[in-house]
Structures are given as C-alpha cells and as structure tokens.
Amino acid sequence: MDTSGKIITCRAAIAWTANSSLSIEEVQVEPPKAGEVRIKVNLSLLTFIYE
C-alpha cells in the first residue's frame, strides 16, 4: 500500500502526564515535510531481565 503524500492512522503509546501509564491510542500522522522522513516499524521488542 502506497502512503506517499497521504495522512495515515497509526497506533501510538502516549503518556499524557509525567510518570503516568502509557495509553495506546490511534493518531493521525501527516505526510512528512521537507527534511523529514516517514518510517514503517514492523516489529519492536522489549526484553526484561530480572535478577
């Protein structure tokens, strides 16, 4: 799907205040302006090690 020059809808983890829990919300993202790029993240992992 080509999204060049289009507004896209994404899910974002948002903290509305300091030290608050993250809220997963849908946001509208404008097309990149001059000097900006849009990247697509297919996978992200977070690893915890408990000792």
Protein backbone atom coordinates (compact mmCIF):
# COMPACT_ATOMS: atom_id res chain seq x y z
CA MET A 1 0.00 0.00 0.00
CA ASP A 2 1.49 3.33 -1.06
CA THR A 3 1.02 6.03 1.59
CA SER A 4 3.22 8.68 -0.04
CA GLY A 5 1.73 12.13 0.49
CA LYS A 6 -1.22 10.77 2.50
CA ILE A 7 -2.36 11.14 6.10
CA ILE A 8 -2.13 7.77 7.84
CA THR A 9 -3.69 6.38 11.01
CA CYS A 10 -1.30 4.69 13.47
CA ARG A 11 -1.38 3.34 16.99
CA ALA A 12 0.82 5.24 19.43
CA ALA A 13 1.82 4.77 23.06
CA ILE A 14 1.13 8.13 24.71
CA ALA A 15 1.90 9.36 28.24
CA TRP A 16 -0.32 12.40 28.81
CA THR A 17 1.46 13.42 32.02
CA ALA A 18 4.85 12.69 33.59
CA ASN A 19 5.07 9.36 35.46
CA SER A 20 1.71 8.18 34.11
CA SER A 21 0.90 4.89 32.42
CA LEU A 22 1.07 4.69 28.65
CA SER A 23 -2.19 4.79 26.75
CA ILE A 24 -2.40 3.04 23.35
CA GLU A 25 -4.37 5.33 21.03
CA GLU A 26 -4.95 5.84 17.33
CA VAL A 27 -3.40 9.03 15.95
CA GLN A 28 -3.43 10.76 12.57
CA VAL A 29 0.05 11.32 11.09
CA GLU A 30 0.57 13.99 8.44
CA PRO A 31 2.82 13.32 5.44
CA PRO A 32 6.48 14.24 6.04
CA LYS A 33 7.55 17.80 5.31
CA ALA A 34 10.84 18.89 3.74
CA GLY A 35 13.76 17.37 5.67
CA GLU A 36 11.56 14.73 7.37
CA VAL A 37 11.04 11.03 6.65
CA ARG A 38 8.35 8.51 7.49
CA ILE A 39 9.47 5.03 8.51
CA LYS A 40 7.43 1.89 8.97
CA VAL A 41 8.19 -0.23 12.03
CA ASN A 42 7.10 -3.83 11.51
CA LEU A 43 8.33 -5.23 14.82
CA SER A 44 9.56 -3.91 18.12
CA LEU A 45 10.66 -5.98 21.13
CA LEU A 46 11.32 -5.13 24.75
CA THR A 47 13.26 -7.53 26.95
CA PHE A 48 13.39 -7.54 30.75
CA ILE A 49 15.97 -9.33 32.86
CA TYR A 50 15.04 -9.91 36.49
CA GLU A 51 17.83 -10.65 38.92
